[in-house]
């Protein structure tokens, strides 16, 4: 902002605008392109001339430190599905024979024809596949 051609009334209005903005002087002056030394010279001049009620500046505890909003990356996993341990497994009895077997490392997962489709989908997605 070109401040050389401003009238005293315009300068006084800018001081009042800055001090009522809710920003610190530093923040407001930076947004409006006014040098701090120029602004504080205006205030000194007006106080010497007896201008009424120049408000005090807003004080900020962390001076000149911008607020930082932290962003945290989250990984959202599907809700786990647990098999009911009270139901006997396919090898334990009642003539249920597995029709699909998945071997991954030391784990063996066996499914029968009566497997819940939701459980099958969840297991396959967990292993990196899908339906």
N, C-alpha and C. Protein backbone atom coordinates (compact mmCIF):
# COMPACT_ATOMS: atom_id res chain seq x y z
N UNK A 1 0.85 -1.18 0.00
CA UNK A 1 0.00 0.00 0.00
C UNK A 1 0.89 1.24 0.00
N UNK A 2 0.55 2.19 -0.83
CA UNK A 2 1.28 3.45 -0.86
C UNK A 2 0.73 4.34 0.25
N UNK A 3 1.53 4.57 1.28
CA UNK A 3 1.06 5.30 2.45
C UNK A 3 1.45 6.77 2.41
N UNK A 4 2.25 7.19 1.43
CA UNK A 4 2.74 8.58 1.37
C UNK A 4 1.63 9.58 1.13
N UNK A 5 0.64 9.24 0.34
CA UNK A 5 -0.39 10.21 -0.04
C UNK A 5 -1.63 10.15 0.84
N UNK A 6 -1.57 9.44 1.96
CA UNK A 6 -2.73 9.33 2.84
C UNK A 6 -2.87 10.59 3.69
N UNK A 7 -4.11 11.02 3.85
CA UNK A 7 -4.37 12.17 4.72
C UNK A 7 -4.25 11.72 6.18
N UNK A 8 -4.08 12.64 7.11
CA UNK A 8 -4.05 12.26 8.53
C UNK A 8 -5.31 11.51 8.96
N UNK A 9 -6.47 11.90 8.42
CA UNK A 9 -7.71 11.21 8.77
C UNK A 9 -7.69 9.76 8.30
N UNK A 10 -7.17 9.54 7.09
CA UNK A 10 -7.08 8.17 6.57
C UNK A 10 -6.11 7.34 7.39
N UNK A 11 -5.01 7.93 7.81
CA UNK A 11 -4.04 7.21 8.65
C UNK A 11 -4.66 6.82 9.98
N UNK A 12 -5.40 7.78 10.58
CA UNK A 12 -6.04 7.52 11.86
C UNK A 12 -7.08 6.40 11.71
N UNK A 13 -7.85 6.41 10.62
CA UNK A 13 -8.83 5.35 10.37
C UNK A 13 -8.15 3.99 10.21
N UNK A 14 -6.99 3.96 9.55
CA UNK A 14 -6.26 2.70 9.39
C UNK A 14 -5.78 2.17 10.75
N UNK A 15 -5.34 3.08 11.62
CA UNK A 15 -4.92 2.66 12.96
C UNK A 15 -6.10 2.03 13.70
N UNK A 16 -7.25 2.70 13.66
CA UNK A 16 -8.44 2.18 14.33
C UNK A 16 -8.88 0.84 13.72
N UNK A 17 -8.80 0.74 12.39
CA UNK A 17 -9.17 -0.50 11.71
C UNK A 17 -8.26 -1.65 12.15
N UNK A 18 -6.97 -1.37 12.20
CA UNK A 18 -6.00 -2.39 12.62
C UNK A 18 -6.29 -2.85 14.04
N UNK A 19 -6.46 -1.90 14.94
CA UNK A 19 -6.62 -2.23 16.35
C UNK A 19 -7.96 -2.86 16.67
N UNK A 20 -8.95 -2.75 15.79
CA UNK A 20 -10.25 -3.38 16.05
C UNK A 20 -10.46 -4.64 15.20
N UNK A 21 -9.42 -5.05 14.47
CA UNK A 21 -9.54 -6.18 13.54
C UNK A 21 -9.53 -7.54 14.22
N UNK A 22 -9.02 -7.61 15.45
CA UNK A 22 -8.88 -8.91 16.10
C UNK A 22 -7.55 -9.57 15.78
N UNK A 23 -6.76 -8.93 14.93
CA UNK A 23 -5.43 -9.45 14.58
C UNK A 23 -4.38 -8.68 15.36
N UNK A 24 -3.19 -9.24 15.46
CA UNK A 24 -2.08 -8.49 16.04
C UNK A 24 -1.69 -7.43 15.02
N UNK A 25 -0.98 -6.39 15.48
CA UNK A 25 -0.51 -5.36 14.55
C UNK A 25 0.30 -6.00 13.44
N UNK A 26 1.20 -6.90 13.81
CA UNK A 26 2.07 -7.56 12.84
C UNK A 26 1.25 -8.25 11.75
N UNK A 27 0.24 -9.02 12.14
CA UNK A 27 -0.59 -9.74 11.17
C UNK A 27 -1.35 -8.78 10.26
N UNK A 28 -1.96 -7.77 10.85
CA UNK A 28 -2.76 -6.83 10.06
C UNK A 28 -1.88 -6.03 9.12
N UNK A 29 -0.74 -5.55 9.59
CA UNK A 29 0.17 -4.76 8.74
C UNK A 29 0.71 -5.60 7.58
N UNK A 30 1.00 -6.86 7.87
CA UNK A 30 1.48 -7.75 6.81
C UNK A 30 0.41 -7.95 5.73
N UNK A 31 -0.84 -8.12 6.16
CA UNK A 31 -1.93 -8.30 5.20
C UNK A 31 -2.18 -7.06 4.35
N UNK A 32 -1.92 -5.88 4.91
CA UNK A 32 -2.21 -4.63 4.21
C UNK A 32 -0.98 -3.97 3.58
N UNK A 33 0.18 -4.61 3.73
CA UNK A 33 1.39 -4.10 3.08
C UNK A 33 1.87 -2.78 3.64
N UNK A 34 1.73 -2.59 4.93
CA UNK A 34 2.18 -1.36 5.59
C UNK A 34 3.36 -1.70 6.48
N UNK A 35 4.42 -0.91 6.36
CA UNK A 35 5.62 -1.16 7.18
C UNK A 35 5.32 -0.83 8.64
N UNK A 36 5.89 -1.65 9.55
CA UNK A 36 5.66 -1.44 10.98
C UNK A 36 6.17 -0.07 11.42
N UNK A 37 7.35 0.32 10.93
CA UNK A 37 7.92 1.61 11.35
C UNK A 37 7.01 2.77 10.94
N UNK A 38 6.42 2.69 9.76
CA UNK A 38 5.49 3.74 9.30
C UNK A 38 4.27 3.79 10.21
N UNK A 39 3.71 2.63 10.48
CA UNK A 39 2.51 2.54 11.31
C UNK A 39 2.75 3.10 12.71
N UNK A 40 3.85 2.71 13.35
CA UNK A 40 4.13 3.18 14.70
C UNK A 40 4.51 4.65 14.73
N UNK A 41 5.08 5.17 13.64
CA UNK A 41 5.31 6.61 13.54
C UNK A 41 3.99 7.37 13.51
N UNK A 42 3.00 6.83 12.78
CA UNK A 42 1.68 7.46 12.76
C UNK A 42 1.12 7.53 14.18
N UNK A 43 1.21 6.41 14.90
CA UNK A 43 0.65 6.37 16.26
C UNK A 43 1.34 7.40 17.15
N UNK A 44 2.67 7.47 17.07
CA UNK A 44 3.41 8.45 17.89
C UNK A 44 2.97 9.87 17.56
N UNK A 45 2.84 10.16 16.28
CA UNK A 45 2.44 11.51 15.84
C UNK A 45 1.05 11.86 16.36
N UNK A 46 0.12 10.92 16.24
CA UNK A 46 -1.25 11.19 16.70
C UNK A 46 -1.31 11.36 18.20
N UNK A 47 -0.55 10.59 18.94
CA UNK A 47 -0.54 10.73 20.41
C UNK A 47 0.05 12.08 20.81
N UNK A 48 1.11 12.49 20.10
CA UNK A 48 1.71 13.81 20.39
C UNK A 48 0.72 14.94 20.13
N UNK A 49 -0.15 14.76 19.11
CA UNK A 49 -1.12 15.79 18.76
C UNK A 49 -2.39 15.69 19.59
N UNK A 50 -2.45 14.69 20.47
CA UNK A 50 -3.58 14.56 21.38
C UNK A 50 -4.80 13.88 20.79
N UNK A 51 -4.61 13.06 19.77
CA UNK A 51 -5.76 12.32 19.22
C UNK A 51 -6.32 11.40 20.29
N UNK A 52 -7.65 11.33 20.37
CA UNK A 52 -8.27 10.56 21.45
C UNK A 52 -8.29 9.05 21.19
N UNK A 53 -8.12 8.36 22.25
CA UNK A 53 -8.43 6.92 22.32
C UNK A 53 -7.84 6.05 21.21
N UNK A 54 -6.55 6.06 21.08
CA UNK A 54 -5.93 5.08 20.18
C UNK A 54 -5.86 3.78 20.98
N UNK A 55 -6.57 2.76 20.52
CA UNK A 55 -6.61 1.51 21.29
C UNK A 55 -5.25 0.85 21.39
N UNK A 56 -5.09 0.09 22.45
CA UNK A 56 -3.85 -0.67 22.63
C UNK A 56 -3.84 -1.85 21.66
N UNK A 57 -2.64 -2.31 21.29
CA UNK A 57 -2.58 -3.44 20.36
C UNK A 57 -3.01 -4.74 21.03
N UNK A 58 -3.47 -5.67 20.19
CA UNK A 58 -3.80 -7.01 20.66
C UNK A 58 -2.51 -7.73 20.99
N UNK A 59 -2.46 -8.31 22.17
CA UNK A 59 -1.26 -9.05 22.57
C UNK A 59 -1.47 -10.52 22.26
N UNK A 60 -0.45 -11.13 21.69
CA UNK A 60 -0.51 -12.55 21.38
C UNK A 60 0.65 -13.21 22.11
N UNK A 61 0.36 -14.29 22.84
CA UNK A 61 1.40 -14.94 23.65
C UNK A 61 2.54 -15.48 22.80
N UNK A 62 2.23 -16.14 21.71
CA UNK A 62 3.28 -16.69 20.86
C UNK A 62 3.51 -15.70 19.72
N UNK A 63 4.33 -14.72 19.97
CA UNK A 63 4.52 -13.59 19.05
C UNK A 63 5.08 -14.05 17.70
N UNK A 64 4.43 -13.61 16.66
CA UNK A 64 4.82 -13.86 15.27
C UNK A 64 4.84 -15.34 14.92
N UNK A 65 4.29 -16.17 15.73
CA UNK A 65 4.30 -17.60 15.45
C UNK A 65 2.95 -17.99 14.86
N UNK A 66 2.92 -18.43 13.62
CA UNK A 66 1.63 -18.79 13.02
C UNK A 66 1.04 -20.03 13.66
N UNK A 67 -0.28 -20.08 13.65
CA UNK A 67 -0.94 -21.27 14.18
C UNK A 67 -0.77 -22.40 13.18
N UNK A 68 -0.51 -23.59 13.71
CA UNK A 68 -0.29 -24.75 12.86
C UNK A 68 -1.36 -25.78 13.18
N UNK A 69 -2.01 -26.25 12.14
CA UNK A 69 -2.98 -27.32 12.31
C UNK A 69 -2.32 -28.60 11.85
N UNK A 70 -2.21 -29.55 12.76
CA UNK A 70 -1.55 -30.79 12.41
C UNK A 70 -2.52 -31.73 11.72
N UNK A 71 -2.01 -32.42 10.72
CA UNK A 71 -2.80 -33.39 9.98
C UNK A 71 -2.19 -34.75 10.24
N UNK A 72 -3.02 -35.68 10.63
CA UNK A 72 -2.57 -37.02 10.94
C UNK A 72 -3.22 -37.98 9.97
N UNK A 73 -2.41 -38.81 9.31
CA UNK A 73 -2.94 -39.79 8.38
C UNK A 73 -3.47 -40.99 9.17
N UNK A 74 -4.67 -41.40 8.85
CA UNK A 74 -5.27 -42.56 9.50
C UNK A 74 -5.49 -43.66 8.49
N UNK A 75 -5.26 -44.87 8.91
CA UNK A 75 -5.58 -46.03 8.09
C UNK A 75 -6.83 -46.66 8.69
N UNK A 76 -7.87 -46.75 7.89
CA UNK A 76 -9.12 -47.31 8.39
C UNK A 76 -9.24 -48.73 7.88
N UNK A 77 -9.25 -49.65 8.81
CA UNK A 77 -9.34 -51.07 8.48
C UNK A 77 -10.79 -51.52 8.66
N UNK A 78 -11.21 -52.51 7.88
CA UNK A 78 -12.58 -53.00 8.07
C UNK A 78 -12.72 -53.62 9.46
N UNK A 79 -13.92 -53.57 9.96
CA UNK A 79 -14.18 -54.15 11.28
C UNK A 79 -13.96 -55.66 11.21
N UNK A 80 -13.18 -56.20 12.15
CA UNK A 80 -12.89 -57.63 12.08
C UNK A 80 -14.13 -58.49 12.33
N UNK A 81 -14.18 -59.63 11.69
CA UNK A 81 -15.25 -60.60 11.89
C UNK A 81 -14.64 -61.81 12.56
N UNK A 82 -15.19 -62.21 13.68
CA UNK A 82 -14.66 -63.34 14.42
C UNK A 82 -15.60 -64.53 14.27
N UNK A 83 -15.01 -65.69 14.09
CA UNK A 83 -15.82 -66.91 14.01
C UNK A 83 -16.22 -67.32 15.42
N UNK A 84 -17.39 -67.84 15.54
CA UNK A 84 -17.89 -68.33 16.82
C UNK A 84 -17.11 -69.58 17.18
N UNK A 85 -16.36 -69.52 18.29
CA UNK A 85 -15.51 -70.65 18.69
C UNK A 85 -16.32 -71.85 19.18
N UNK A 86 -17.60 -71.65 19.47
CA UNK A 86 -18.40 -72.77 19.97
C UNK A 86 -18.86 -73.69 18.84
N UNK A 87 -18.75 -73.21 17.58
CA UNK A 87 -19.15 -74.05 16.45
C UNK A 87 -17.98 -74.94 16.09
N UNK A 88 -18.18 -76.26 15.99
CA UNK A 88 -17.06 -77.14 15.66
C UNK A 88 -16.53 -76.84 14.26
N UNK A 89 -15.23 -76.93 14.11
CA UNK A 89 -14.59 -76.69 12.83
C UNK A 89 -14.86 -77.83 11.87
N UNK A 90 -14.54 -77.64 10.59
CA UNK A 90 -14.85 -78.65 9.59
C UNK A 90 -14.15 -79.99 9.82
N UNK A 91 -13.01 -79.98 10.48
CA UNK A 91 -12.32 -81.24 10.73
C UNK A 91 -12.78 -81.90 12.01
N UNK A 92 -13.58 -81.14 12.81
CA UNK A 92 -13.96 -81.65 14.13
C UNK A 92 -15.20 -82.53 14.09
N UNK A 93 -15.95 -82.49 13.05
CA UNK A 93 -17.09 -83.41 13.13
C UNK A 93 -18.20 -83.10 12.18
N UNK A 94 -19.32 -83.72 12.39
CA UNK A 94 -20.62 -83.55 11.74
C UNK A 94 -20.56 -83.63 10.23
N UNK A 95 -19.52 -84.16 9.66
CA UNK A 95 -19.46 -84.42 8.24
C UNK A 95 -19.33 -83.20 7.35
N UNK A 96 -18.97 -82.02 7.88
CA UNK A 96 -18.79 -80.83 7.04
C UNK A 96 -17.39 -80.89 6.44
N UNK A 97 -17.32 -80.88 5.14
CA UNK A 97 -16.03 -80.96 4.46
C UNK A 97 -15.68 -79.60 3.85
N UNK A 98 -14.44 -79.17 4.02
CA UNK A 98 -14.05 -77.90 3.41
C UNK A 98 -14.02 -78.03 1.88
N UNK A 99 -14.47 -76.97 1.21
CA UNK A 99 -14.43 -76.94 -0.25
C UNK A 99 -13.39 -75.94 -0.75
N UNK A 100 -12.86 -75.12 0.18
CA UNK A 100 -11.81 -74.17 -0.17
C UNK A 100 -10.83 -74.11 0.99
N UNK A 101 -9.56 -74.05 0.65
CA UNK A 101 -8.52 -73.98 1.68
C UNK A 101 -7.52 -72.92 1.23
N UNK A 102 -7.21 -71.99 2.13
CA UNK A 102 -6.22 -70.95 1.86
C UNK A 102 -5.07 -71.17 2.82
N UNK A 103 -3.87 -71.27 2.26
CA UNK A 103 -2.68 -71.44 3.09
C UNK A 103 -1.83 -70.19 2.92
N UNK A 104 -1.55 -69.55 4.04
CA UNK A 104 -0.74 -68.33 4.03
C UNK A 104 0.26 -68.44 5.17
N UNK A 105 1.51 -68.68 4.82
CA UNK A 105 2.53 -68.89 5.85
C UNK A 105 2.19 -70.12 6.65
N UNK A 106 2.08 -69.97 7.98
CA UNK A 106 1.74 -71.10 8.84
C UNK A 106 0.24 -71.22 9.08
N UNK A 107 -0.52 -70.29 8.53
CA UNK A 107 -1.97 -70.30 8.75
C UNK A 107 -2.69 -71.05 7.64
N UNK A 108 -3.68 -71.80 8.02
CA UNK A 108 -4.54 -72.50 7.07
C UNK A 108 -5.98 -72.08 7.37
N UNK A 109 -6.65 -71.59 6.35
CA UNK A 109 -8.04 -71.17 6.51
C UNK A 109 -8.88 -72.06 5.61
N UNK A 110 -9.86 -72.73 6.21
CA UNK A 110 -10.72 -73.65 5.46
C UNK A 110 -12.15 -73.13 5.47
N UNK A 111 -12.82 -73.23 4.30
CA UNK A 111 -14.20 -72.79 4.18
C UNK A 111 -15.05 -73.93 3.64
N UNK A 112 -16.28 -73.96 4.11
CA UNK A 112 -17.25 -74.94 3.58
C UNK A 112 -18.22 -74.20 2.65
N UNK A 113 -19.12 -74.96 2.03
CA UNK A 113 -20.13 -74.35 1.18
C UNK A 113 -21.07 -73.44 1.96
N UNK A 114 -21.18 -73.66 3.25
CA UNK A 114 -22.11 -72.87 4.05
C UNK A 114 -21.47 -71.65 4.70
N UNK A 115 -20.27 -71.26 4.23
CA UNK A 115 -19.59 -70.11 4.81
C UNK A 115 -20.42 -68.85 4.56
N UNK A 116 -20.43 -67.97 5.56
CA UNK A 116 -21.12 -66.68 5.44
C UNK A 116 -20.39 -65.85 4.38
N UNK A 117 -21.07 -65.38 3.35
CA UNK A 117 -20.41 -64.60 2.28
C UNK A 117 -19.68 -63.37 2.81
N UNK A 118 -20.23 -62.75 3.85
CA UNK A 118 -19.58 -61.57 4.44
C UNK A 118 -18.23 -61.95 5.06
N UNK A 119 -18.19 -63.09 5.75
CA UNK A 119 -16.95 -63.58 6.34
C UNK A 119 -15.93 -63.88 5.25
N UNK A 120 -16.35 -64.55 4.19
CA UNK A 120 -15.46 -64.88 3.09
C UNK A 120 -14.89 -63.61 2.45
N UNK A 121 -15.75 -62.63 2.22
CA UNK A 121 -15.31 -61.36 1.63
C UNK A 121 -14.29 -60.66 2.53
N UNK A 122 -14.56 -60.64 3.83
CA UNK A 122 -13.65 -59.99 4.78
C UNK A 122 -12.30 -60.68 4.81
N UNK A 123 -12.29 -62.00 4.81
CA UNK A 123 -11.03 -62.74 4.83
C UNK A 123 -10.24 -62.47 3.56
N UNK A 124 -10.90 -62.52 2.41
CA UNK A 124 -10.21 -62.28 1.14
C UNK A 124 -9.66 -60.85 1.05
N UNK A 125 -10.43 -59.90 1.52
CA UNK A 125 -9.94 -58.51 1.53
C UNK A 125 -8.74 -58.36 2.45
N UNK A 126 -8.79 -59.02 3.59
CA UNK A 126 -7.68 -58.97 4.54
C UNK A 126 -6.40 -59.54 3.95
N UNK A 127 -6.56 -60.52 3.08
CA UNK A 127 -5.41 -61.15 2.45
C UNK A 127 -4.95 -60.41 1.18
N UNK A 128 -5.66 -59.32 0.86
CA UNK A 128 -5.25 -58.52 -0.29
C UNK A 128 -6.02 -58.80 -1.55
N UNK A 129 -7.02 -59.62 -1.49
CA UNK A 129 -7.82 -59.92 -2.68
C UNK A 129 -9.14 -59.23 -2.59
N UNK A 130 -10.17 -59.84 -3.00
CA UNK A 130 -11.50 -59.28 -2.91
C UNK A 130 -12.46 -60.06 -3.79
N UNK A 131 -13.69 -59.72 -3.65
CA UNK A 131 -14.72 -60.40 -4.43
C UNK A 131 -15.20 -59.45 -5.50
